[in-house]
Amino acid sequence: MQLDATTAAVRDVYQWMIHTILPRPIAWVSTVDGAGRTNLAPFSFFMGVCAKPPTLLFCPVNDRRGQPKDTLRNVEETGEFVVNLVPSRLCEAMNATAATLPHGDSEFVRFGVAQEPSLRVRPPRVAGVPVSFECLLDRVIHVGEGPAGGNLVLGRILLIHVADAVLGPDGMPDPLRMDLVSRAGGDVYLRGGEVMRMPRPE
């Protein structure tokens, strides 16, 4: 089977992308607006970019009216955000924060998500996650226009928080102890399981 991405409906292209680009880590992004009101939303188009300079990206899309969602509005307004990684025990709370709320309503408050202060940026971190990245906005690249139009948000990592409980004997984060969930297609999520080791060739 082939899908012509140049002519297919956006909805169809999206469905095939999320069902095949696997697994996708989830960026649970916390922001504040100019008035200091908090926002929290998950994004599954997310990845690290490079370590020099330390940079990551996530990709919010425009809403059904073609307007930027609150996360993007806040990031462009304040230039700061936090990417929190999602352990399985918080996956239901993460999923709840994908709901569309009126602008200015806080998902932290509405869905009872605990927060704790960040050290370098204004948005709070999600309490109890294994890893959080405090970031300054590097740039936004608008990839598409109108409804579902994409935006690449590049963030410069200022500070990485790693819970002591997820560190392995070698002092590095252990993927099994982090117990992260990742996104698949539709209503499907994946949870960390079997670990494979393959030494890299020299």
Protein backbone atom coordinates (compact mmCIF):
# COMPACT_ATOMS: atom_id res chain seq x y z
CA MET A 1 0.00 0.00 0.00
CA GLN A 2 1.10 3.57 -0.65
CA LEU A 3 -0.36 6.84 0.55
CA ASP A 4 0.32 9.90 -1.60
CA ALA A 5 1.07 12.48 1.09
CA THR A 6 0.95 15.28 -1.49
CA THR A 7 -2.70 14.67 -2.36
CA ALA A 8 -4.23 12.81 0.61
CA ALA A 9 -6.41 14.60 3.16
CA VAL A 10 -4.51 16.05 6.13
CA ARG A 11 -6.50 13.82 8.48
CA ASP A 12 -5.41 10.70 6.61
CA VAL A 13 -1.75 11.74 6.47
CA TYR A 14 -1.83 12.46 10.21
CA GLN A 15 -3.31 9.07 11.03
CA TRP A 16 -0.72 7.21 8.96
CA MET A 17 2.12 9.23 10.49
CA ILE A 18 1.08 8.59 14.08
CA HIS A 19 0.52 4.89 13.38
CA THR A 20 3.96 4.39 11.83
CA ILE A 21 6.43 6.78 13.48
CA LEU A 22 6.88 4.71 16.64
CA PRO A 23 7.44 4.93 19.49
CA ARG A 24 7.00 8.65 20.06
CA PRO A 25 8.04 10.11 23.42
CA ILE A 26 5.58 12.53 24.98
CA ALA A 27 6.54 16.10 25.82
CA TRP A 28 4.24 17.22 28.64
CA VAL A 29 4.86 20.94 28.24
CA SER A 30 4.21 23.45 31.00
CA THR A 31 4.07 27.17 30.24
CA VAL A 32 2.76 30.41 31.68
CA ASP A 33 1.18 33.34 29.89
CA GLY A 34 2.12 36.97 30.38
CA ALA A 35 -0.17 37.18 33.40
CA GLY A 36 1.49 34.16 35.02
CA ARG A 37 -1.41 31.74 34.44
CA THR A 38 -0.20 28.16 34.01
CA ASN A 39 -0.89 25.80 31.12
CA LEU A 40 -0.04 22.12 30.67
CA ALA A 41 -0.45 20.06 27.48
CA PRO A 42 1.01 16.88 25.92
CA PHE A 43 2.72 16.68 22.51
CA SER A 44 3.89 13.49 20.82
CA PHE A 45 5.90 15.02 17.98
CA PHE A 46 8.92 15.65 20.20
CA MET A 47 12.63 14.84 20.21
CA GLY A 48 16.10 15.89 21.21
CA VAL A 49 18.02 17.83 18.57
CA CYS A 50 21.63 18.06 19.72
CA ALA A 51 23.86 18.51 22.77
CA LYS A 52 25.86 21.48 21.45
CA PRO A 53 24.01 23.64 22.13
CA PRO A 54 21.67 21.48 24.24
CA THR A 55 18.43 21.69 22.27
CA LEU A 56 15.12 19.89 21.96
CA LEU A 57 11.98 20.44 19.91
CA PHE A 58 8.27 19.76 20.08
CA CYS A 59 5.61 20.47 17.50
CA PRO A 60 2.27 22.05 18.44
CA VAL A 61 -0.29 22.36 15.66
CA ASN A 62 -2.83 25.11 15.11
CA ASP A 63 -6.37 24.63 16.38
CA ARG A 64 -9.43 23.99 14.21
CA ARG A 65 -9.76 27.71 13.52
CA GLY A 66 -6.17 27.89 12.36
CA GLN A 67 -5.06 29.78 15.48
CA PRO A 68 -2.12 28.88 17.73
CA LYS A 69 -3.02 26.88 20.82
CA ASP A 70 -2.26 28.18 24.31
CA THR A 71 1.10 26.43 24.61
CA LEU A 72 2.48 28.10 21.49
CA ARG A 73 0.95 31.45 22.40
CA ASN A 74 2.54 31.30 25.84
CA VAL A 75 5.95 30.21 24.55
CA GLU A 76 6.02 33.03 22.02
CA GLU A 77 4.85 35.52 24.66
CA THR A 78 7.26 34.57 27.46
CA GLY A 79 10.08 32.67 25.73
CA GLU A 80 10.10 29.91 28.36
CA PHE A 81 8.76 26.39 28.82
CA VAL A 82 9.38 23.09 30.61
CA VAL A 83 9.25 19.66 28.98
CA ASN A 84 8.24 16.98 31.46
CA LEU A 85 8.51 13.26 30.62
CA VAL A 86 5.51 11.08 31.47
CA PRO A 87 5.75 7.97 33.70
CA SER A 88 3.01 5.36 33.39
CA ARG A 89 1.47 6.26 36.75
CA LEU A 90 0.70 9.77 35.46
CA CYS A 91 -0.52 8.79 32.00
CA GLU A 92 -4.20 9.33 32.83
CA ALA A 93 -3.48 12.82 34.15
CA MET A 94 -1.41 13.55 31.05
CA ASN A 95 -4.25 12.38 28.81
CA ALA A 96 -6.72 14.58 30.69
CA THR A 97 -4.62 17.67 30.01
CA ALA A 98 -5.10 17.17 26.25
CA ALA A 99 -8.63 18.56 26.70
CA THR A 100 -9.39 21.97 25.19
CA LEU A 101 -10.00 24.51 27.96
CA PRO A 102 -10.84 28.21 27.71
CA HIS A 103 -7.78 30.41 27.36
CA GLY A 104 -6.32 31.15 30.79
CA ASP A 105 -7.78 28.09 32.53
CA SER A 106 -5.05 25.99 34.12
CA GLU A 107 -4.84 22.26 33.46
CA PHE A 108 -2.77 21.97 36.64
CA VAL A 109 -5.77 23.24 38.61
CA ARG A 110 -8.59 21.68 36.58
CA PHE A 111 -7.13 18.16 36.64
CA GLY A 112 -5.33 18.26 40.00
CA VAL A 113 -1.80 17.88 38.61
CA ALA A 114 0.78 18.64 41.29
CA GLN A 115 3.47 21.17 40.41
CA GLU A 116 6.76 22.37 41.79
CA PRO A 117 8.82 25.46 41.04
CA SER A 118 11.42 25.50 38.30
CA LEU A 119 14.81 27.04 39.06
CA ARG A 120 15.69 28.93 35.85
CA VAL A 121 12.33 29.62 34.17
CA ARG A 122 8.89 30.80 35.28
CA PRO A 123 6.72 27.84 34.22
CA PRO A 124 6.44 25.21 36.96
CA ARG A 125 7.49 21.59 36.55
CA VAL A 126 5.14 18.65 36.97
CA ALA A 127 5.82 17.14 40.39
CA GLY A 128 6.80 13.49 40.49
CA VAL A 129 7.97 13.00 36.91
CA PRO A 130 11.32 11.28 36.37
CA VAL A 131 12.77 13.99 34.10
CA SER A 132 12.09 17.65 33.36
CA PHE A 133 13.90 20.01 30.99
CA GLU A 134 13.79 23.74 31.72
CA CYS A 135 14.06 25.56 28.39
CA LEU A 136 14.40 28.97 26.81
CA LEU A 137 12.84 29.48 23.42
CA ASP A 138 15.42 29.41 20.65
CA ARG A 139 13.05 29.88 17.71
CA VAL A 140 9.69 28.92 16.27
CA ILE A 141 9.51 27.69 12.69
CA HIS A 142 6.02 27.87 11.22
CA VAL A 143 5.77 24.88 8.89
CA GLY A 144 2.11 25.14 7.88
CA GLU A 145 -0.77 27.60 7.97
CA GLY A 146 -4.43 27.28 8.90
CA PRO A 147 -6.11 24.42 10.81
CA ALA A 148 -3.64 21.69 11.84
CA GLY A 149 -0.75 23.75 10.48
CA GLY A 150 2.48 22.71 12.17
CA ASN A 151 4.99 24.69 14.22
CA LEU A 152 8.45 23.60 15.32
CA VAL A 153 9.38 24.97 18.74
CA LEU A 154 13.12 24.74 19.36
CA GLY A 155 14.18 25.13 22.98
CA ARG A 156 17.61 25.66 24.51
CA ILE A 157 17.90 23.39 27.54
CA LEU A 158 19.05 25.30 30.63
CA LEU A 159 18.61 22.70 33.35
CA ILE A 160 17.76 18.98 33.44
CA HIS A 161 16.05 17.54 36.51
CA VAL A 162 16.40 13.76 36.97
CA ALA A 163 14.84 11.98 39.95
CA ASP A 164 17.41 10.11 42.03
CA ALA A 165 15.09 7.09 42.12
CA VAL A 166 15.48 6.46 38.38
CA LEU A 167 19.29 6.42 38.35
CA GLY A 168 20.95 3.07 37.72
CA PRO A 169 24.13 1.67 39.30
CA ASP A 170 26.21 3.53 36.71
CA GLY A 171 24.70 6.85 37.80
CA MET A 172 22.80 7.31 34.52
CA PRO A 173 19.00 7.28 34.09
CA ASP A 174 17.72 3.71 33.77
CA PRO A 175 14.99 3.42 31.09
CA LEU A 176 13.12 0.74 33.03
CA ARG A 177 13.16 2.73 36.26
CA MET A 178 11.82 5.79 34.41
CA ASP A 179 8.84 3.68 33.24
CA LEU A 180 7.93 6.19 30.54
CA VAL A 181 4.90 5.95 28.29
CA SER A 182 5.09 6.79 24.61
CA ARG A 183 2.45 7.51 22.00
CA ALA A 184 1.25 5.28 19.21
CA GLY A 185 -1.76 5.73 16.93
CA GLY A 186 -5.37 6.28 17.99
CA ASP A 187 -5.90 5.54 21.68
CA VAL A 188 -2.78 3.35 21.94
CA TYR A 189 0.12 4.09 24.28
CA LEU A 190 3.30 2.06 24.74
CA ARG A 191 5.09 1.37 27.99
CA GLY A 192 8.78 0.57 28.46
CA GLY A 193 9.48 -3.15 28.44
CA GLU A 194 12.26 -5.32 27.10
CA VAL A 195 15.73 -3.75 26.83
CA MET A 196 18.14 -4.68 24.05
CA ARG A 197 21.86 -3.94 24.11
CA MET A 198 24.04 -3.68 21.00
CA PRO A 199 27.54 -2.18 21.22
CA ARG A 200 28.11 0.53 18.61
CA PRO A 201 30.74 -0.25 15.99
CA GLU A 202 33.95 1.71 16.19
